[in-house]
Amino acid sequence: MGDAVREPTETRPWGAFYVLDEGAGFKVKRIVVTPNGRLSLQSHKHRAEHWTVVSGEATVTVGDDVRTLTRGQSIDIGRGDIHRLENFGAGDVELIEVQFGDYLGEDDIVRYDDAYRRG
């Protein structure tokens, strides 16, 4: 399904995400981060995540580890790990996020730093 047909599940200051599937204990999203977009430095109390980059060049921080991931590369983020996704490139970064946990609500975010001053 292309973007022209499917509306984002939610738009955010850094881009948008689309919920592709969800069930008991899991949720799958497509996340699109626009150029110079950055998610908040955050953690989750109830879920772990697995990110796979499908396009662009993503700068990913997990704890003290900062790395650049490109198409086909992935990273695991454990429950409670402090992490961030940033796009310093000229084009969008797209990734598939698979969440695992006992609660997968959007309010399970503890923000430590946020360029958009969200709580």
N, C-alpha and C. Protein backbone atom coordinates (compact mmCIF):
# COMPACT_ATOMS: atom_id res chain seq x y z
N MET A 1 0.83 -1.18 0.00
CA MET A 1 0.00 0.00 0.00
C MET A 1 0.87 1.24 0.00
N GLY A 2 0.68 2.14 -0.92
CA GLY A 2 1.48 3.36 -0.98
C GLY A 2 0.92 4.44 -0.08
N ASP A 3 1.74 5.47 0.13
CA ASP A 3 1.33 6.58 0.99
C ASP A 3 0.11 7.31 0.45
N ALA A 4 -0.08 7.33 -0.87
CA ALA A 4 -1.22 8.04 -1.45
C ALA A 4 -2.53 7.37 -1.07
N VAL A 5 -2.49 6.07 -0.79
CA VAL A 5 -3.69 5.33 -0.45
C VAL A 5 -3.89 5.26 1.06
N ARG A 6 -2.83 5.08 1.78
CA ARG A 6 -2.90 4.86 3.22
C ARG A 6 -2.49 6.12 3.97
N GLU A 7 -3.37 6.59 4.83
CA GLU A 7 -3.06 7.74 5.67
C GLU A 7 -2.24 7.28 6.87
N PRO A 8 -1.34 8.16 7.37
CA PRO A 8 -0.58 7.77 8.57
C PRO A 8 -1.51 7.51 9.75
N THR A 9 -1.12 6.57 10.59
CA THR A 9 -1.85 6.34 11.83
C THR A 9 -1.75 7.58 12.71
N GLU A 10 -0.54 8.15 12.78
CA GLU A 10 -0.32 9.40 13.51
C GLU A 10 0.79 10.17 12.83
N THR A 11 0.65 11.49 12.78
CA THR A 11 1.74 12.34 12.34
C THR A 11 2.39 12.92 13.59
N ARG A 12 3.68 13.12 13.50
CA ARG A 12 4.47 13.67 14.60
C ARG A 12 5.35 14.78 14.05
N PRO A 13 5.96 15.60 14.90
CA PRO A 13 6.82 16.68 14.39
C PRO A 13 7.99 16.16 13.55
N TRP A 14 8.42 14.94 13.79
CA TRP A 14 9.56 14.35 13.08
C TRP A 14 9.16 13.56 11.84
N GLY A 15 7.86 13.33 11.61
CA GLY A 15 7.41 12.53 10.48
C GLY A 15 6.07 11.88 10.77
N ALA A 16 6.00 10.56 10.61
CA ALA A 16 4.74 9.85 10.81
C ALA A 16 5.00 8.38 11.05
N PHE A 17 3.96 7.69 11.57
CA PHE A 17 4.03 6.24 11.62
C PHE A 17 2.71 5.63 11.20
N TYR A 18 2.82 4.39 10.75
CA TYR A 18 1.69 3.61 10.26
C TYR A 18 1.67 2.30 11.03
N VAL A 19 0.56 1.96 11.66
CA VAL A 19 0.44 0.65 12.29
C VAL A 19 0.05 -0.35 11.20
N LEU A 20 0.92 -1.33 10.99
CA LEU A 20 0.70 -2.32 9.93
C LEU A 20 -0.03 -3.55 10.43
N ASP A 21 0.22 -3.92 11.68
CA ASP A 21 -0.43 -5.11 12.26
C ASP A 21 -0.26 -5.06 13.76
N GLU A 22 -1.16 -5.69 14.49
CA GLU A 22 -1.01 -5.82 15.94
C GLU A 22 -1.84 -6.98 16.43
N GLY A 23 -1.39 -7.54 17.54
CA GLY A 23 -2.07 -8.67 18.15
C GLY A 23 -1.63 -8.77 19.60
N ALA A 24 -1.95 -9.87 20.23
CA ALA A 24 -1.61 -10.06 21.65
C ALA A 24 -0.10 -10.02 21.83
N GLY A 25 0.40 -8.97 22.47
CA GLY A 25 1.81 -8.87 22.81
C GLY A 25 2.73 -8.36 21.72
N PHE A 26 2.18 -7.92 20.56
CA PHE A 26 3.05 -7.37 19.52
C PHE A 26 2.33 -6.29 18.73
N LYS A 27 3.13 -5.40 18.12
CA LYS A 27 2.64 -4.38 17.19
C LYS A 27 3.73 -4.14 16.16
N VAL A 28 3.33 -3.96 14.89
CA VAL A 28 4.27 -3.70 13.81
C VAL A 28 3.94 -2.33 13.20
N LYS A 29 4.97 -1.47 13.11
CA LYS A 29 4.78 -0.13 12.55
C LYS A 29 5.78 0.12 11.43
N ARG A 30 5.39 0.99 10.50
CA ARG A 30 6.32 1.59 9.56
C ARG A 30 6.51 3.02 10.03
N ILE A 31 7.74 3.40 10.31
CA ILE A 31 8.07 4.73 10.82
C ILE A 31 8.82 5.48 9.73
N VAL A 32 8.38 6.72 9.46
CA VAL A 32 9.01 7.58 8.46
C VAL A 32 9.50 8.83 9.18
N VAL A 33 10.81 9.06 9.12
CA VAL A 33 11.43 10.22 9.76
C VAL A 33 11.94 11.14 8.65
N THR A 34 11.44 12.38 8.65
CA THR A 34 11.81 13.35 7.62
C THR A 34 13.23 13.87 7.85
N PRO A 35 13.84 14.48 6.84
CA PRO A 35 15.19 15.02 7.00
C PRO A 35 15.26 15.98 8.20
N ASN A 36 16.32 15.84 8.98
CA ASN A 36 16.56 16.59 10.22
C ASN A 36 15.56 16.27 11.32
N GLY A 37 14.77 15.22 11.16
CA GLY A 37 13.84 14.80 12.20
C GLY A 37 14.54 13.93 13.22
N ARG A 38 14.05 14.00 14.45
CA ARG A 38 14.62 13.16 15.50
C ARG A 38 13.54 12.82 16.51
N LEU A 39 13.47 11.55 16.85
CA LEU A 39 12.57 11.13 17.91
C LEU A 39 13.17 11.55 19.24
N SER A 40 12.35 11.64 20.25
CA SER A 40 12.87 12.00 21.57
C SER A 40 13.81 10.91 22.08
N LEU A 41 14.73 11.33 22.96
CA LEU A 41 15.54 10.36 23.70
C LEU A 41 14.59 9.78 24.72
N GLN A 42 14.33 8.47 24.65
CA GLN A 42 13.22 7.88 25.39
C GLN A 42 13.51 6.47 25.82
N SER A 43 12.62 5.97 26.68
CA SER A 43 12.61 4.56 27.05
C SER A 43 11.16 4.13 27.22
N HIS A 44 10.97 2.82 27.34
CA HIS A 44 9.63 2.25 27.51
C HIS A 44 9.67 1.28 28.69
N LYS A 45 8.68 1.35 29.54
CA LYS A 45 8.61 0.47 30.71
C LYS A 45 8.05 -0.91 30.37
N HIS A 46 7.24 -0.99 29.32
CA HIS A 46 6.49 -2.22 29.08
C HIS A 46 6.83 -2.94 27.78
N ARG A 47 7.71 -2.38 26.97
CA ARG A 47 7.96 -3.03 25.68
C ARG A 47 9.43 -2.96 25.26
N ALA A 48 9.79 -3.93 24.44
CA ALA A 48 11.06 -3.96 23.72
C ALA A 48 10.74 -3.70 22.25
N GLU A 49 11.74 -3.28 21.48
CA GLU A 49 11.53 -2.99 20.07
C GLU A 49 12.66 -3.57 19.23
N HIS A 50 12.32 -3.88 17.99
CA HIS A 50 13.30 -4.30 16.99
C HIS A 50 13.10 -3.41 15.78
N TRP A 51 14.14 -2.68 15.37
CA TRP A 51 14.07 -1.75 14.24
C TRP A 51 14.87 -2.31 13.07
N THR A 52 14.27 -2.30 11.89
CA THR A 52 14.97 -2.65 10.65
C THR A 52 14.81 -1.50 9.67
N VAL A 53 15.91 -0.97 9.19
CA VAL A 53 15.88 0.14 8.24
C VAL A 53 15.53 -0.39 6.85
N VAL A 54 14.57 0.25 6.19
CA VAL A 54 14.21 -0.14 4.83
C VAL A 54 14.64 0.90 3.80
N SER A 55 14.88 2.15 4.23
CA SER A 55 15.44 3.14 3.32
C SER A 55 16.06 4.28 4.11
N GLY A 56 17.05 4.92 3.51
CA GLY A 56 17.73 6.04 4.15
C GLY A 56 18.84 5.59 5.07
N GLU A 57 19.37 6.56 5.79
CA GLU A 57 20.48 6.33 6.71
C GLU A 57 20.06 6.84 8.09
N ALA A 58 19.84 5.92 9.02
CA ALA A 58 19.35 6.25 10.35
C ALA A 58 20.50 6.31 11.35
N THR A 59 20.52 7.34 12.16
CA THR A 59 21.45 7.41 13.29
C THR A 59 20.67 6.95 14.51
N VAL A 60 21.13 5.86 15.11
CA VAL A 60 20.43 5.23 16.22
C VAL A 60 21.30 5.26 17.46
N THR A 61 20.70 5.70 18.56
CA THR A 61 21.37 5.69 19.85
C THR A 61 20.64 4.70 20.75
N VAL A 62 21.39 3.78 21.36
CA VAL A 62 20.86 2.88 22.38
C VAL A 62 21.88 2.90 23.52
N GLY A 63 21.48 3.51 24.64
CA GLY A 63 22.43 3.70 25.73
C GLY A 63 23.56 4.61 25.28
N ASP A 64 24.80 4.16 25.45
CA ASP A 64 25.97 4.93 25.02
C ASP A 64 26.42 4.58 23.60
N ASP A 65 25.73 3.63 22.96
CA ASP A 65 26.08 3.16 21.63
C ASP A 65 25.35 4.00 20.58
N VAL A 66 26.11 4.69 19.72
CA VAL A 66 25.54 5.47 18.62
C VAL A 66 26.07 4.87 17.33
N ARG A 67 25.17 4.51 16.42
CA ARG A 67 25.61 3.92 15.15
C ARG A 67 24.71 4.35 14.01
N THR A 68 25.23 4.20 12.81
CA THR A 68 24.48 4.51 11.59
C THR A 68 24.02 3.19 10.98
N LEU A 69 22.73 3.11 10.69
CA LEU A 69 22.17 1.92 10.07
C LEU A 69 21.60 2.29 8.70
N THR A 70 21.79 1.39 7.74
CA THR A 70 21.26 1.58 6.39
C THR A 70 20.37 0.39 6.02
N ARG A 71 19.81 0.44 4.82
CA ARG A 71 18.84 -0.56 4.36
C ARG A 71 19.27 -1.98 4.72
N GLY A 72 18.36 -2.70 5.37
CA GLY A 72 18.59 -4.09 5.72
C GLY A 72 19.26 -4.31 7.07
N GLN A 73 19.77 -3.25 7.68
CA GLN A 73 20.41 -3.39 8.98
C GLN A 73 19.37 -3.18 10.09
N SER A 74 19.60 -3.83 11.22
CA SER A 74 18.62 -3.75 12.30
C SER A 74 19.30 -3.67 13.66
N ILE A 75 18.48 -3.35 14.66
CA ILE A 75 18.97 -3.24 16.03
C ILE A 75 17.85 -3.61 16.99
N ASP A 76 18.22 -4.21 18.10
CA ASP A 76 17.27 -4.53 19.16
C ASP A 76 17.37 -3.51 20.28
N ILE A 77 16.23 -3.10 20.80
CA ILE A 77 16.15 -2.15 21.90
C ILE A 77 15.39 -2.84 23.02
N GLY A 78 16.06 -3.10 24.11
CA GLY A 78 15.44 -3.81 25.22
C GLY A 78 14.49 -2.93 26.02
N ARG A 79 13.59 -3.54 26.71
CA ARG A 79 12.68 -2.80 27.58
C ARG A 79 13.51 -2.01 28.59
N GLY A 80 13.24 -0.70 28.70
CA GLY A 80 13.97 0.16 29.61
C GLY A 80 15.21 0.80 29.02
N ASP A 81 15.67 0.34 27.84
CA ASP A 81 16.85 0.95 27.20
C ASP A 81 16.53 2.38 26.75
N ILE A 82 17.42 3.30 27.03
CA ILE A 82 17.27 4.67 26.56
C ILE A 82 17.75 4.72 25.11
N HIS A 83 16.89 5.25 24.22
CA HIS A 83 17.19 5.19 22.79
C HIS A 83 16.62 6.38 22.04
N ARG A 84 17.13 6.54 20.80
CA ARG A 84 16.69 7.63 19.93
C ARG A 84 16.97 7.25 18.48
N LEU A 85 16.16 7.77 17.57
CA LEU A 85 16.34 7.64 16.14
C LEU A 85 16.43 9.04 15.55
N GLU A 86 17.46 9.28 14.70
CA GLU A 86 17.64 10.59 14.08
C GLU A 86 17.92 10.42 12.60
N ASN A 87 17.51 11.44 11.82
CA ASN A 87 17.75 11.45 10.39
C ASN A 87 18.52 12.71 10.03
N PHE A 88 19.81 12.57 9.75
CA PHE A 88 20.65 13.69 9.35
C PHE A 88 20.79 13.78 7.83
N GLY A 89 20.12 12.88 7.09
CA GLY A 89 20.25 12.84 5.64
C GLY A 89 19.31 13.79 4.92
N ALA A 90 19.40 13.79 3.59
CA ALA A 90 18.59 14.68 2.75
C ALA A 90 17.23 14.08 2.41
N GLY A 91 17.09 12.75 2.55
CA GLY A 91 15.83 12.08 2.25
C GLY A 91 15.24 11.45 3.49
N ASP A 92 14.04 10.92 3.36
CA ASP A 92 13.37 10.25 4.48
C ASP A 92 14.13 9.00 4.92
N VAL A 93 14.01 8.68 6.19
CA VAL A 93 14.42 7.39 6.73
C VAL A 93 13.14 6.61 7.00
N GLU A 94 13.08 5.37 6.53
CA GLU A 94 11.94 4.50 6.82
C GLU A 94 12.45 3.26 7.51
N LEU A 95 11.71 2.85 8.54
CA LEU A 95 12.06 1.61 9.20
C LEU A 95 10.82 0.87 9.62
N ILE A 96 10.98 -0.42 9.81
CA ILE A 96 9.92 -1.26 10.35
C ILE A 96 10.27 -1.50 11.81
N GLU A 97 9.31 -1.21 12.68
CA GLU A 97 9.48 -1.41 14.11
C GLU A 97 8.54 -2.53 14.56
N VAL A 98 9.09 -3.51 15.22
CA VAL A 98 8.28 -4.57 15.83
C VAL A 98 8.40 -4.40 17.34
N GLN A 99 7.25 -4.18 17.97
CA GLN A 99 7.20 -4.02 19.43
C GLN A 99 6.74 -5.33 20.06
N PHE A 100 7.33 -5.65 21.21
CA PHE A 100 6.96 -6.83 21.98
C PHE A 100 6.74 -6.40 23.42
N GLY A 101 5.64 -6.80 24.04
CA GLY A 101 5.45 -6.47 25.44
C GLY A 101 4.03 -6.70 25.92
N ASP A 102 3.84 -6.46 27.21
CA ASP A 102 2.52 -6.67 27.81
C ASP A 102 1.61 -5.46 27.67
N TYR A 103 2.18 -4.30 27.29
CA TYR A 103 1.39 -3.09 27.05
C TYR A 103 2.09 -2.32 25.94
N LEU A 104 1.35 -1.97 24.88
CA LEU A 104 1.95 -1.35 23.70
C LEU A 104 1.33 0.01 23.37
N GLY A 105 0.76 0.67 24.36
CA GLY A 105 0.14 1.97 24.15
C GLY A 105 1.16 3.05 23.87
N GLU A 106 0.73 4.08 23.13
CA GLU A 106 1.61 5.20 22.78
C GLU A 106 2.03 6.01 24.00
N ASP A 107 1.33 5.86 25.10
CA ASP A 107 1.69 6.62 26.32
C ASP A 107 2.78 5.93 27.14
N ASP A 108 3.31 4.79 26.67
CA ASP A 108 4.42 4.13 27.37
C ASP A 108 5.74 4.71 26.87
N ILE A 109 5.90 6.01 27.07
CA ILE A 109 7.12 6.71 26.66
C ILE A 109 7.59 7.57 27.82
N VAL A 110 8.84 7.35 28.25
CA VAL A 110 9.49 8.24 29.20
C VAL A 110 10.48 9.05 28.37
N ARG A 111 10.27 10.36 28.29
CA ARG A 111 11.14 11.23 27.48
C ARG A 111 12.20 11.88 28.37
N TYR A 112 13.47 11.80 27.91
CA TYR A 112 14.59 12.40 28.61
C TYR A 112 15.05 13.69 27.94
N ASP A 113 14.85 13.75 26.62
CA ASP A 113 15.21 14.94 25.84
C ASP A 113 14.32 14.94 24.61
N ASP A 114 13.75 16.11 24.27
CA ASP A 114 12.85 16.17 23.14
C ASP A 114 13.00 17.51 22.44
N ALA A 115 13.40 17.49 21.18
CA ALA A 115 13.60 18.71 20.40
C ALA A 115 12.29 19.47 20.20
N TYR A 116 11.15 18.80 20.36
CA TYR A 116 9.86 19.42 20.11
C TYR A 116 9.11 19.79 21.39
N ARG A 117 9.81 19.66 22.52
CA ARG A 117 9.31 20.05 23.85
C ARG A 117 7.99 19.39 24.24
N ARG A 118 7.89 18.10 23.92
CA ARG A 118 6.73 17.33 24.39
C ARG A 118 7.06 16.79 25.78
N GLY A 119 6.04 16.53 26.57
CA GLY A 119 6.24 16.07 27.95
C GLY A 119 6.68 14.67 28.10
